[in-house]
Amino acid sequence: MSEEDQLDLPGDGETGIGNASAKDGLSGLDSGEPKDRAKAGDDGDNDRETGRQRRRGLSPAYCLGIFALILIVSSVVSGILNHFLITPFAAGMSLFGALWYISVRRRSSSDGVIFYSHSQILYYWPIWAGAFVISDLAEIPGIATIVTISDAETMLAPPQMALFHLIVVAVVVFFTSVNIRGVWAVVFAVTLLSIGLTFSVLNWWPQVFAYLGGLSLHADQGFYRVMGVVLFLPWLLVVFIFDIRRFFHFLPTQITMVNEIGEGEKNYDSIGVVMEKKRDNFMQHMALGFGSGDIILTPKVADREVIIFPNVLRVNKVLDQIQEIREKRGRNLG
């Protein structure tokens, strides 16, 4: 036997290994297809799970945008068919503004926490919302009072609605101008609204106006629509465009602040900063601001400057996020 033949043939000790390898090869051929199928199934499950996670992450914003679009389209369709309903249109525009606000805040706070100081007009939404609702209700013949002025029919809102809206205006202006602390704010607001609503339901206001000299309160649909637009447009621009130019950006190592529109940025060291939440006006911060509050900041500088950031939305969540950043920084330093 030649040397080449001896290299090709296995020896006595190699026969079992060769047979085992052959069996493994055969078994691999038999089981390769199920393994590939199992791997493909796992990949498919992972893709489906990733798709579900993406849908879960984007669905709230998409749903909010779709709902806002439906409201706006319904207003336009109602205007084409009969009368333009402005309340759904304003609600849809407000939702789009909220989506813009959320997207800007997420992009700006990717490496920290950012929050904005809002103007007092933030709390005026019940005034324009009530005006729009009354203007739409005045389109209904069974609710509105139809009068003829200069050979033209005019729909007047019921005096009870007009008076209740005036009470809402008074409450909003009062509580956004006067700071009543604690439970007294709740008691005062509930009492005032209850009295106004009770007099409207029991139709006692005509007797009250008769004692005051025969006053008569009437306003047409156009008045409430114009009043709502005059308040809604500044509210929309200020809350979602101008207010986001006054911000507070908290990073693990420093704080960047713009306290006034057009003012340059100020930077402070985040170590040693004292932050305090102030929420003493229940009606303004909780009922009208949906959990807003004021943040008082005292940076660690020589003059101990006190900075007040008023009307911060969701102030509790903002402070929780800042506390998380501080804890992470402490663990990294430790």
C-alpha atoms as a PDB file:
ATOM      1  CA  MET A   1       0.000   0.000   0.000  1.00  0.00           C
ATOM      2  CA  SER A   2       1.291   3.402  -0.954  1.00  0.00           C
ATOM      3  CA  GLU A   3       1.906   6.332   1.374  1.00  0.00           C
ATOM      4  CA  GLU A   4      -1.006   8.313  -0.121  1.00  0.00           C
ATOM      5  CA  ASP A   5      -3.381   5.420   0.571  1.00  0.00           C
ATOM      6  CA  GLN A   6      -2.246   5.291   4.184  1.00  0.00           C
ATOM      7  CA  LEU A   7      -2.990   9.021   4.640  1.00  0.00           C
ATOM      8  CA  ASP A   8      -6.487   8.633   3.250  1.00  0.00           C
ATOM      9  CA  LEU A   9      -7.481   5.657   5.385  1.00  0.00           C
ATOM     10  CA  PRO A  10      -8.223   6.129   9.100  1.00  0.00           C
ATOM     11  CA  GLY A  11      -6.282   4.185  11.627  1.00  0.00           C
ATOM     12  CA  ASP A  12      -7.669   1.759  14.193  1.00  0.00           C
ATOM     13  CA  GLY A  13      -8.084   4.450  16.847  1.00  0.00           C
ATOM     14  CA  GLU A  14      -9.692   6.886  14.423  1.00  0.00           C
ATOM     15  CA  THR A  15     -12.464   4.635  13.147  1.00  0.00           C
ATOM     16  CA  GLY A  16     -14.907   5.415  15.985  1.00  0.00           C
ATOM     17  CA  ILE A  17     -14.284   9.137  15.677  1.00  0.00           C
ATOM     18  CA  GLY A  18     -14.824   9.033  11.962  1.00  0.00           C
ATOM     19  CA  ASN A  19     -18.083   7.117  12.385  1.00  0.00           C
ATOM     20  CA  ALA A  20     -19.228   9.511  15.077  1.00  0.00           C
ATOM     21  CA  SER A  21     -18.433  12.454  12.820  1.00  0.00           C
ATOM     22  CA  ALA A  22     -20.323  10.831  10.018  1.00  0.00           C
ATOM     23  CA  LYS A  23     -23.320  10.256  12.292  1.00  0.00           C
ATOM     24  CA  ASP A  24     -23.155  13.868  13.452  1.00  0.00           C
ATOM     25  CA  GLY A  25     -23.084  14.986   9.842  1.00  0.00           C
ATOM     26  CA  LEU A  26     -26.097  12.837   9.021  1.00  0.00           C
ATOM     27  CA  SER A  27     -27.960  13.986  12.095  1.00  0.00           C
ATOM     28  CA  GLY A  28     -27.114  17.574  11.177  1.00  0.00           C
ATOM     29  CA  LEU A  29     -28.624  17.026   7.755  1.00  0.00           C
ATOM     30  CA  ASP A  30     -31.767  15.589   9.317  1.00  0.00           C
ATOM     31  CA  SER A  31     -32.157  18.291  11.996  1.00  0.00           C
ATOM     32  CA  GLY A  32     -30.861  21.284  10.049  1.00  0.00           C
ATOM     33  CA  GLU A  33     -34.253  22.159   8.564  1.00  0.00           C
ATOM     34  CA  PRO A  34     -36.142  22.154  11.907  1.00  0.00           C
ATOM     35  CA  LYS A  35     -33.391  24.272  13.487  1.00  0.00           C
ATOM     36  CA  ASP A  36     -33.592  26.765  10.636  1.00  0.00           C
ATOM     37  CA  ARG A  37     -37.363  26.845  10.978  1.00  0.00           C
ATOM     38  CA  ALA A  38     -37.121  27.406  14.715  1.00  0.00           C
ATOM     39  CA  LYS A  39     -34.604  30.210  14.190  1.00  0.00           C
ATOM     40  CA  ALA A  40     -36.810  31.787  11.544  1.00  0.00           C
ATOM     41  CA  GLY A  41     -39.766  31.542  13.906  1.00  0.00           C
ATOM     42  CA  ASP A  42     -37.799  33.255  16.656  1.00  0.00           C
ATOM     43  CA  ASP A  43     -36.754  36.020  14.289  1.00  0.00           C
ATOM     44  CA  GLY A  44     -40.350  36.492  13.228  1.00  0.00           C
ATOM     45  CA  ASP A  45     -41.496  36.672  16.839  1.00  0.00           C
ATOM     46  CA  ASN A  46     -38.800  39.231  17.596  1.00  0.00           C
ATOM     47  CA  ASP A  47     -39.834  41.341  14.603  1.00  0.00           C
ATOM     48  CA  ARG A  48     -43.471  41.207  15.641  1.00  0.00           C
ATOM     49  CA  GLU A  49     -42.549  42.128  19.230  1.00  0.00           C
ATOM     50  CA  THR A  50     -40.436  45.034  17.984  1.00  0.00           C
ATOM     51  CA  GLY A  51     -43.331  46.205  15.842  1.00  0.00           C
ATOM     52  CA  ARG A  52     -45.710  45.999  18.791  1.00  0.00           C
ATOM     53  CA  GLN A  53     -43.303  48.004  20.947  1.00  0.00           C
ATOM     54  CA  ARG A  54     -42.977  50.662  18.257  1.00  0.00           C
ATOM     55  CA  ARG A  55     -46.741  50.860  17.875  1.00  0.00           C
ATOM     56  CA  ARG A  56     -47.173  51.111  21.635  1.00  0.00           C
ATOM     57  CA  GLY A  57     -44.589  53.886  21.807  1.00  0.00           C
ATOM     58  CA  LEU A  58     -46.125  55.986  19.005  1.00  0.00           C
ATOM     59  CA  SER A  59     -49.806  55.223  19.414  1.00  0.00           C
ATOM     60  CA  PRO A  60     -50.656  57.941  21.992  1.00  0.00           C
ATOM     61  CA  ALA A  61     -49.283  60.746  19.809  1.00  0.00           C
ATOM     62  CA  TYR A  62     -50.830  59.302  16.667  1.00  0.00           C
ATOM     63  CA  CYS A  63     -54.187  58.818  18.359  1.00  0.00           C
ATOM     64  CA  LEU A  64     -54.116  62.375  19.680  1.00  0.00           C
ATOM     65  CA  GLY A  65     -53.247  63.735  16.244  1.00  0.00           C
ATOM     66  CA  ILE A  66     -55.967  61.706  14.542  1.00  0.00           C
ATOM     67  CA  PHE A  67     -58.520  62.852  17.093  1.00  0.00           C
ATOM     68  CA  ALA A  68     -57.493  66.490  16.592  1.00  0.00           C
ATOM     69  CA  LEU A  69     -57.786  66.080  12.824  1.00  0.00           C
ATOM     70  CA  ILE A  70     -61.258  64.557  13.185  1.00  0.00           C
ATOM     71  CA  LEU A  71     -62.383  67.533  15.277  1.00  0.00           C
ATOM     72  CA  ILE A  72     -61.114  70.047  12.728  1.00  0.00           C
ATOM     73  CA  VAL A  73     -62.617  68.165   9.771  1.00  0.00           C
ATOM     74  CA  SER A  74     -65.969  67.879  11.546  1.00  0.00           C
ATOM     75  CA  SER A  75     -66.015  71.657  12.045  1.00  0.00           C
ATOM     76  CA  VAL A  76     -65.240  72.290   8.384  1.00  0.00           C
ATOM     77  CA  VAL A  77     -67.883  69.809   7.241  1.00  0.00           C
ATOM     78  CA  SER A  78     -70.472  71.377   9.523  1.00  0.00           C
ATOM     79  CA  GLY A  79     -69.678  74.767   7.996  1.00  0.00           C
ATOM     80  CA  ILE A  80     -70.161  73.399   4.495  1.00  0.00           C
ATOM     81  CA  LEU A  81     -73.427  71.659   5.325  1.00  0.00           C
ATOM     82  CA  ASN A  82     -75.095  74.157   7.646  1.00  0.00           C
ATOM     83  CA  HIS A  83     -73.349  76.183  10.374  1.00  0.00           C
ATOM     84  CA  PHE A  84     -69.686  76.258  11.257  1.00  0.00           C
ATOM     85  CA  LEU A  85     -69.085  74.805  14.749  1.00  0.00           C
ATOM     86  CA  ILE A  86     -66.057  76.560  16.154  1.00  0.00           C
ATOM     87  CA  THR A  87     -65.703  74.605  19.408  1.00  0.00           C
ATOM     88  CA  PRO A  88     -64.380  71.364  17.792  1.00  0.00           C
ATOM     89  CA  PHE A  89     -62.072  73.440  15.597  1.00  0.00           C
ATOM     90  CA  ALA A  90     -60.547  75.236  18.597  1.00  0.00           C
ATOM     91  CA  ALA A  91     -60.201  71.947  20.484  1.00  0.00           C
ATOM     92  CA  GLY A  92     -58.416  70.337  17.518  1.00  0.00           C
ATOM     93  CA  MET A  93     -56.017  73.260  17.158  1.00  0.00           C
ATOM     94  CA  SER A  94     -55.271  73.095  20.891  1.00  0.00           C
ATOM     95  CA  LEU A  95     -54.452  69.386  20.607  1.00  0.00           C
ATOM     96  CA  PHE A  96     -52.099  70.042  17.689  1.00  0.00           C
ATOM     97  CA  GLY A  97     -50.451  72.743  19.774  1.00  0.00           C
ATOM     98  CA  ALA A  98     -50.024  70.272  22.623  1.00  0.00           C
ATOM     99  CA  LEU A  99     -48.388  67.763  20.246  1.00  0.00           C
ATOM    100  CA  TRP A 100     -45.988  70.460  19.043  1.00  0.00           C
ATOM    101  CA  TYR A 101     -45.199  71.396  22.643  1.00  0.00           C
ATOM    102  CA  ILE A 102     -44.467  67.762  23.588  1.00  0.00           C
ATOM    103  CA  SER A 103     -42.251  67.158  20.548  1.00  0.00           C
ATOM    104  CA  VAL A 104     -40.188  70.317  21.173  1.00  0.00           C
ATOM    105  CA  ARG A 105     -39.725  69.436  24.825  1.00  0.00           C
ATOM    106  CA  ARG A 106     -38.626  65.880  24.023  1.00  0.00           C
ATOM    107  CA  ARG A 107     -36.066  67.028  21.461  1.00  0.00           C
ATOM    108  CA  SER A 108     -34.686  69.719  23.746  1.00  0.00           C
ATOM    109  CA  SER A 109     -34.467  67.517  26.869  1.00  0.00           C
ATOM    110  CA  SER A 110     -32.761  64.490  25.337  1.00  0.00           C
ATOM    111  CA  ASP A 111     -29.743  64.941  27.636  1.00  0.00           C
ATOM    112  CA  GLY A 112     -31.464  66.432  30.689  1.00  0.00           C
ATOM    113  CA  VAL A 113     -34.708  67.966  31.917  1.00  0.00           C
ATOM    114  CA  ILE A 114     -36.231  71.064  30.369  1.00  0.00           C
ATOM    115  CA  PHE A 115     -39.332  72.919  31.468  1.00  0.00           C
ATOM    116  CA  TYR A 116     -40.976  76.188  30.525  1.00  0.00           C
ATOM    117  CA  SER A 117     -42.360  79.168  32.421  1.00  0.00           C
ATOM    118  CA  HIS A 118     -45.817  80.082  31.153  1.00  0.00           C
ATOM    119  CA  SER A 119     -47.683  83.369  31.222  1.00  0.00           C
ATOM    120  CA  GLN A 120     -50.874  84.008  33.158  1.00  0.00           C
ATOM    121  CA  ILE A 121     -52.890  83.668  29.960  1.00  0.00           C
ATOM    122  CA  LEU A 122     -52.382  79.913  30.336  1.00  0.00           C
ATOM    123  CA  TYR A 123     -55.286  79.883  32.800  1.00  0.00           C
ATOM    124  CA  TYR A 124     -57.736  81.802  30.576  1.00  0.00           C
ATOM    125  CA  TRP A 125     -58.869  78.785  28.578  1.00  0.00           C
ATOM    126  CA  PRO A 126     -62.322  78.526  30.302  1.00  0.00           C
ATOM    127  CA  ILE A 127     -63.211  81.993  28.996  1.00  0.00           C
ATOM    128  CA  TRP A 128     -62.664  81.289  25.297  1.00  0.00           C
ATOM    129  CA  ALA A 129     -63.937  77.720  25.608  1.00  0.00           C
ATOM    130  CA  GLY A 130     -67.178  78.898  27.231  1.00  0.00           C
ATOM    131  CA  ALA A 131     -67.622  81.612  24.599  1.00  0.00           C
ATOM    132  CA  PHE A 132     -67.216  79.086  21.782  1.00  0.00           C
ATOM    133  CA  VAL A 133     -69.664  76.634  23.384  1.00  0.00           C
ATOM    134  CA  ILE A 134     -72.320  79.323  23.829  1.00  0.00           C
ATOM    135  CA  SER A 135     -71.834  80.543  20.260  1.00  0.00           C
ATOM    136  CA  ASP A 136     -72.398  77.006  18.941  1.00  0.00           C
ATOM    137  CA  LEU A 137     -75.415  76.452  21.192  1.00  0.00           C
ATOM    138  CA  ALA A 138     -76.901  79.734  19.933  1.00  0.00           C
ATOM    139  CA  GLU A 139     -77.137  78.104  16.501  1.00  0.00           C
ATOM    140  CA  ILE A 140     -79.798  75.706  17.807  1.00  0.00           C
ATOM    141  CA  PRO A 141     -83.293  77.191  17.368  1.00  0.00           C
ATOM    142  CA  GLY A 142     -84.709  75.386  20.382  1.00  0.00           C
ATOM    143  CA  ILE A 143     -82.114  76.941  22.694  1.00  0.00           C
ATOM    144  CA  ALA A 144     -81.509  80.371  21.206  1.00  0.00           C
ATOM    145  CA  THR A 145     -84.011  83.204  21.079  1.00  0.00           C
ATOM    146  CA  ILE A 146     -84.662  84.487  17.558  1.00  0.00           C
ATOM    147  CA  VAL A 147     -85.268  88.220  17.226  1.00  0.00           C
ATOM    148  CA  THR A 148     -85.595  90.410  14.139  1.00  0.00           C
ATOM    149  CA  ILE A 149     -83.371  93.463  13.966  1.00  0.00           C
ATOM    150  CA  SER A 150     -83.458  95.627  10.822  1.00  0.00           C
ATOM    151  CA  ASP A 151     -85.253  92.900   8.855  1.00  0.00           C
ATOM    152  CA  ALA A 152     -82.564  90.388   9.795  1.00  0.00           C
ATOM    153  CA  GLU A 153     -82.946  87.466  12.167  1.00  0.00           C
ATOM    154  CA  THR A 154     -80.499  87.311  15.032  1.00  0.00           C
ATOM    155  CA  MET A 155     -80.050  84.419  17.442  1.00  0.00           C
ATOM    156  CA  LEU A 156     -79.544  85.453  21.042  1.00  0.00           C
ATOM    157  CA  ALA A 157     -78.037  83.215  23.680  1.00  0.00           C
ATOM    158  CA  PRO A 158     -80.236  82.512  26.710  1.00  0.00           C
ATOM    159  CA  PRO A 159     -79.693  85.066  29.495  1.00  0.00           C
ATOM    160  CA  GLN A 160     -78.859  82.239  31.921  1.00  0.00           C
ATOM    161  CA  MET A 161     -75.927  81.128  29.753  1.00  0.00           C
ATOM    162  CA  ALA A 162     -74.704  84.668  29.315  1.00  0.00           C
ATOM    163  CA  LEU A 163     -74.786  85.300  33.038  1.00  0.00           C
ATOM    164  CA  PHE A 164     -73.063  82.026  33.892  1.00  0.00           C
ATOM    165  CA  HIS A 165     -70.294  82.841  31.430  1.00  0.00           C
ATOM    166  CA  LEU A 166     -69.831  86.216  33.084  1.00  0.00           C
ATOM    167  CA  ILE A 167     -69.451  84.449  36.434  1.00  0.00           C
ATOM    168  CA  VAL A 168     -66.820  82.134  34.926  1.00  0.00           C
ATOM    169  CA  VAL A 169     -64.943  85.147  33.585  1.00  0.00           C
ATOM    170  CA  ALA A 170     -65.070  86.805  37.005  1.00  0.00           C
ATOM    171  CA  VAL A 171     -63.786  83.669  38.767  1.00  0.00           C
ATOM    172  CA  VAL A 172     -60.891  83.163  36.321  1.00  0.00           C
ATOM    173  CA  VAL A 173     -59.790  86.796  36.406  1.00  0.00           C
ATOM    174  CA  PHE A 174     -60.086  86.953  40.192  1.00  0.00           C
ATOM    175  CA  PHE A 175     -58.081  83.820  40.973  1.00  0.00           C
ATOM    176  CA  THR A 176     -55.377  84.600  38.424  1.00  0.00           C
ATOM    177  CA  SER A 177     -54.944  88.071  39.911  1.00  0.00           C
ATOM    178  CA  VAL A 178     -55.437  87.505  43.664  1.00  0.00           C
ATOM    179  CA  ASN A 179     -53.518  84.790  45.491  1.00  0.00           C
ATOM    180  CA  ILE A 180     -55.860  83.044  47.955  1.00  0.00           C
ATOM    181  CA  ARG A 181     -54.055  80.251  49.754  1.00  0.00           C
ATOM    182  CA  GLY A 182     -55.110  76.765  50.713  1.00  0.00           C
ATOM    183  CA  VAL A 183     -58.652  75.582  51.272  1.00  0.00           C
ATOM    184  CA  TRP A 184     -60.064  79.112  51.271  1.00  0.00           C
ATOM    185  CA  ALA A 185     -59.566  79.315  47.526  1.00  0.00           C
ATOM    186  CA  VAL A 186     -61.604  76.151  46.998  1.00  0.00           C
ATOM    187  CA  VAL A 187     -64.382  77.280  49.338  1.00  0.00           C
ATOM    188  CA  PHE A 188     -64.637  80.690  47.715  1.00  0.00           C
ATOM    189  CA  ALA A 189     -64.673  79.367  44.130  1.00  0.00           C
ATOM    190  CA  VAL A 190     -67.175  76.567  44.798  1.00  0.00           C
ATOM    191  CA  THR A 191     -69.480  78.936  46.662  1.00  0.00           C
ATOM    192  CA  LEU A 192     -69.422  81.529  43.900  1.00  0.00           C
ATOM    193  CA  LEU A 193     -70.029  79.014  41.120  1.00  0.00           C
ATOM    194  CA  SER A 194     -72.778  77.268  43.091  1.00  0.00           C
ATOM    195  CA  ILE A 195     -74.633  80.535  43.680  1.00  0.00           C
ATOM    196  CA  GLY A 196     -74.425  81.496  40.035  1.00  0.00           C
ATOM    197  CA  LEU A 197     -75.528  78.076  38.805  1.00  0.00           C
ATOM    198  CA  THR A 198     -78.403  77.860  41.299  1.00  0.00           C
ATOM    199  CA  PHE A 199     -79.760  81.258  40.317  1.00  0.00           C
ATOM    200  CA  SER A 200     -79.509  80.289  36.630  1.00  0.00           C
ATOM    201  CA  VAL A 201     -81.299  76.950  37.038  1.00  0.00           C
ATOM    202  CA  LEU A 202     -84.093  78.386  39.208  1.00  0.00           C
ATOM    203  CA  ASN A 203     -84.412  81.423  36.926  1.00  0.00           C
ATOM    204  CA  TRP A 204     -83.976  83.879  39.779  1.00  0.00           C
ATOM    205  CA  TRP A 205     -81.745  86.276  37.897  1.00  0.00           C
ATOM    206  CA  PRO A 206     -84.655  88.160  36.215  1.00  0.00           C
ATOM    207  CA  GLN A 207     -85.987  89.052  39.660  1.00  0.00           C
ATOM    208  CA  VAL A 208     -82.527  90.168  40.735  1.00  0.00           C
ATOM    209  CA  PHE A 209     -82.160  92.306  37.616  1.00  0.00           C
ATOM    210  CA  ALA A 210     -85.627  93.758  38.168  1.00  0.00           C
ATOM    211  CA  TYR A 211     -84.551  94.961  41.607  1.00  0.00           C
ATOM    212  CA  LEU A 212     -81.426  96.468  40.031  1.00  0.00           C
ATOM    213  CA  GLY A 213     -83.433  98.682  37.692  1.00  0.00           C
ATOM    214  CA  GLY A 214     -84.823  96.279  35.126  1.00  0.00           C
ATOM    215  CA  LEU A 215     -81.531  95.132  33.638  1.00  0.00           C
ATOM    216  CA  SER A 216     -81.715  92.722  30.698  1.00  0.00           C
ATOM    217  CA  LEU A 217     -78.738  90.616  29.619  1.00  0.00           C
ATOM    218  CA  HIS A 218     -78.695  89.532  25.966  1.00  0.00           C
ATOM    219  CA  ALA A 219     -75.829  88.758  23.571  1.00  0.00           C
ATOM    220  CA  ASP A 220     -75.952  87.198  20.145  1.00  0.00           C
ATOM    221  CA  GLN A 221     -73.959  84.362  18.667  1.00  0.00           C
ATOM    222  CA  GLY A 222     -71.535  86.668  16.869  1.00  0.00           C
ATOM    223  CA  PHE A 223     -70.512  88.411  20.084  1.00  0.00           C
ATOM    224  CA  TYR A 224     -69.449  85.166  21.757  1.00  0.00           C
ATOM    225  CA  ARG A 225     -67.665  83.954  18.649  1.00  0.00           C
ATOM    226  CA  VAL A 226     -65.650  87.152  18.311  1.00  0.00           C
ATOM    227  CA  MET A 227     -64.908  87.177  22.037  1.00  0.00           C
ATOM    228  CA  GLY A 228     -63.644  83.594  21.883  1.00  0.00           C
ATOM    229  CA  VAL A 229     -61.438  84.248  18.848  1.00  0.00           C
ATOM    230  CA  VAL A 230     -59.925  87.390  20.410  1.00  0.00           C
ATOM    231  CA  LEU A 231     -58.856  85.332  23.445  1.00  0.00           C
ATOM    232  CA  PHE A 232     -58.099  82.022  21.728  1.00  0.00           C
ATOM    233  CA  LEU A 233     -55.545  83.253  19.184  1.00  0.00           C
ATOM    234  CA  PRO A 234     -53.280  84.990  21.751  1.00  0.00           C
ATOM    235  CA  TRP A 235     -53.663  82.004  24.087  1.00  0.00           C
ATOM    236  CA  LEU A 236     -52.582  79.588  21.348  1.00  0.00           C
ATOM    237  CA  LEU A 237     -49.578  81.669  20.275  1.00  0.00           C
ATOM    238  CA  VAL A 238     -48.366  82.507  23.769  1.00  0.00           C
ATOM    239  CA  VAL A 239     -48.720  79.046  25.347  1.00  0.00           C
ATOM    240  CA  PHE A 240     -47.260  76.965  22.500  1.00  0.00           C
ATOM    241  CA  ILE A 241     -44.828  79.365  20.798  1.00  0.00           C
ATOM    242  CA  PHE A 242     -43.706  82.327  22.893  1.00  0.00           C
ATOM    243  CA  ASP A 243     -43.641  80.609  26.299  1.00  0.00           C
ATOM    244  CA  ILE A 244     -41.275  77.867  25.141  1.00  0.00           C
ATOM    245  CA  ARG A 245     -38.633  80.578  24.657  1.00  0.00           C
ATOM    246  CA  ARG A 246     -38.453  80.964  28.438  1.00  0.00           C
ATOM    247  CA  PHE A 247     -36.957  77.711  29.638  1.00  0.00           C
ATOM    248  CA  PHE A 248     -34.888  76.055  32.322  1.00  0.00           C
ATOM    249  CA  HIS A 249     -32.549  73.238  31.229  1.00  0.00           C
ATOM    250  CA  PHE A 250     -31.206  71.082  34.043  1.00  0.00           C
ATOM    251  CA  LEU A 251     -28.136  68.969  33.187  1.00  0.00           C
ATOM    252  CA  PRO A 252     -26.067  66.775  35.521  1.00  0.00           C
ATOM    253  CA  THR A 253     -23.256  69.348  35.643  1.00  0.00           C
ATOM    254  CA  GLN A 254     -24.867  72.704  34.874  1.00  0.00           C
ATOM    255  CA  ILE A 255     -28.106  74.650  34.558  1.00  0.00           C
ATOM    256  CA  THR A 256     -28.993  76.744  31.516  1.00  0.00           C
ATOM    257  CA  MET A 257     -31.726  79.328  31.964  1.00  0.00           C
ATOM    258  CA  VAL A 258     -33.530  81.919  29.819  1.00  0.00           C
ATOM    259  CA  ASN A 259     -35.863  83.850  32.106  1.00  0.00           C
ATOM    260  CA  GLU A 260     -37.190  86.427  29.637  1.00  0.00           C
ATOM    261  CA  ILE A 261     -37.968  86.304  25.911  1.00  0.00           C
ATOM    262  CA  GLY A 262     -34.994  87.724  23.993  1.00  0.00           C
ATOM    263  CA  GLU A 263     -32.691  87.450  26.992  1.00  0.00           C
ATOM    264  CA  GLY A 264     -29.357  85.681  26.716  1.00  0.00           C
ATOM    265  CA  GLU A 265     -28.668  82.352  28.374  1.00  0.00           C
ATOM    266  CA  LYS A 266     -27.360  82.153  31.929  1.00  0.00           C
ATOM    267  CA  ASN A 267     -25.383  79.138  33.133  1.00  0.00           C
ATOM    268  CA  TYR A 268     -25.063  77.961  36.730  1.00  0.00           C
ATOM    269  CA  ASP A 269     -23.359  75.042  38.400  1.00  0.00           C
ATOM    270  CA  SER A 270     -25.968  72.415  39.244  1.00  0.00           C
ATOM    271  CA  ILE A 271     -24.129  71.352  42.401  1.00  0.00           C
ATOM    272  CA  GLY A 272     -25.511  73.039  45.491  1.00  0.00           C
ATOM    273  CA  VAL A 273     -28.648  74.395  43.802  1.00  0.00           C
ATOM    274  CA  VAL A 274     -31.710  74.605  46.050  1.00  0.00           C
ATOM    275  CA  MET A 275     -35.075  74.070  44.336  1.00  0.00           C
ATOM    276  CA  GLU A 276     -38.473  74.625  45.927  1.00  0.00           C
ATOM    277  CA  LYS A 277     -41.977  74.000  44.636  1.00  0.00           C
ATOM    278  CA  LYS A 278     -44.669  76.556  45.385  1.00  0.00           C
ATOM    279  CA  ARG A 279     -48.288  75.630  44.770  1.00  0.00           C
ATOM    280  CA  ASP A 280     -50.391  77.748  47.113  1.00  0.00           C
ATOM    281  CA  ASN A 281     -53.190  78.857  44.780  1.00  0.00           C
ATOM    282  CA  PHE A 282     -55.354  75.774  44.402  1.00  0.00           C
ATOM    283  CA  MET A 283     -57.769  77.208  41.847  1.00  0.00           C
ATOM    284  CA  GLN A 284     -55.032  78.575  39.626  1.00  0.00           C
ATOM    285  CA  HIS A 285     -52.530  75.732  39.819  1.00  0.00           C
ATOM    286  CA  MET A 286     -54.783  72.688  40.168  1.00  0.00           C
ATOM    287  CA  ALA A 287     -58.228  73.497  38.743  1.00  0.00           C
ATOM    288  CA  LEU A 288     -57.129  75.772  35.889  1.00  0.00           C
ATOM    289  CA  GLY A 289     -53.514  74.682  35.397  1.00  0.00           C
ATOM    290  CA  PHE A 290     -53.956  70.873  35.720  1.00  0.00           C
ATOM    291  CA  GLY A 291     -51.106  70.443  38.191  1.00  0.00           C
ATOM    292  CA  SER A 292     -48.982  73.478  37.453  1.00  0.00           C
ATOM    293  CA  GLY A 293     -46.887  75.317  40.028  1.00  0.00           C
ATOM    294  CA  ASP A 294     -44.047  77.742  40.611  1.00  0.00           C
ATOM    295  CA  ILE A 295     -40.416  76.670  40.996  1.00  0.00           C
ATOM    296  CA  ILE A 296     -38.079  78.769  43.134  1.00  0.00           C
ATOM    297  CA  LEU A 297     -34.410  78.270  42.323  1.00  0.00           C
ATOM    298  CA  THR A 298     -31.491  79.419  44.500  1.00  0.00           C
ATOM    299  CA  PRO A 299     -28.156  78.727  42.768  1.00  0.00           C
ATOM    300  CA  LYS A 300     -24.907  78.444  44.702  1.00  0.00           C
ATOM    301  CA  VAL A 301     -23.426  81.822  43.808  1.00  0.00           C
ATOM    302  CA  ALA A 302     -21.988  84.658  45.817  1.00  0.00           C
ATOM    303  CA  ASP A 303     -25.072  86.897  45.831  1.00  0.00           C
ATOM    304  CA  ARG A 304     -27.524  83.982  46.374  1.00  0.00           C
ATOM    305  CA  GLU A 305     -29.817  85.169  43.590  1.00  0.00           C
ATOM    306  CA  VAL A 306     -33.369  83.826  43.905  1.00  0.00           C
ATOM    307  CA  ILE A 307     -34.971  82.898  40.584  1.00  0.00           C
ATOM    308  CA  ILE A 308     -38.720  82.308  40.320  1.00  0.00           C
ATOM    309  CA  PHE A 309     -40.083  80.292  37.402  1.00  0.00           C
ATOM    310  CA  PRO A 310     -43.889  80.681  37.525  1.00  0.00           C
ATOM    311  CA  ASN A 311     -46.589  78.486  36.028  1.00  0.00           C
ATOM    312  CA  VAL A 312     -44.589  75.332  35.243  1.00  0.00           C
ATOM    313  CA  LEU A 313     -46.821  72.575  33.910  1.00  0.00           C
ATOM    314  CA  ARG A 314     -46.757  69.201  35.708  1.00  0.00           C
ATOM    315  CA  VAL A 315     -44.379  70.568  38.295  1.00  0.00           C
ATOM    316  CA  ASN A 316     -44.299  67.352  40.359  1.00  0.00           C
ATOM    317  CA  LYS A 317     -43.084  65.275  37.414  1.00  0.00           C
ATOM    318  CA  VAL A 318     -40.443  67.884  36.567  1.00  0.00           C
ATOM    319  CA  LEU A 319     -39.021  67.784  40.093  1.00  0.00           C
ATOM    320  CA  ASP A 320     -39.032  63.964  40.082  1.00  0.00           C
ATOM    321  CA  GLN A 321     -37.007  63.949  36.861  1.00  0.00           C
ATOM    322  CA  ILE A 322     -34.529  66.439  38.317  1.00  0.00           C
ATOM    323  CA  GLN A 323     -34.174  64.283  41.418  1.00  0.00           C
ATOM    324  CA  GLU A 324     -33.392  61.245  39.246  1.00  0.00           C
ATOM    325  CA  ILE A 325     -30.615  63.162  37.486  1.00  0.00           C
ATOM    326  CA  ARG A 326     -29.159  64.211  40.828  1.00  0.00           C
ATOM    327  CA  GLU A 327     -29.198  60.647  42.114  1.00  0.00           C
ATOM    328  CA  LYS A 328     -27.442  59.364  38.984  1.00  0.00           C
ATOM    329  CA  ARG A 329     -24.828  62.080  39.304  1.00  0.00           C
ATOM    330  CA  GLY A 330     -24.263  61.141  42.951  1.00  0.00           C
ATOM    331  CA  ARG A 331     -23.795  57.479  42.070  1.00  0.00           C
ATOM    332  CA  ASN A 332     -21.330  58.375  39.307  1.00  0.00           C
ATOM    333  CA  LEU A 333     -19.324  60.591  41.650  1.00  0.00           C
ATOM    334  CA  GLY A 334     -19.360  57.903  44.322  1.00  0.00           C
END
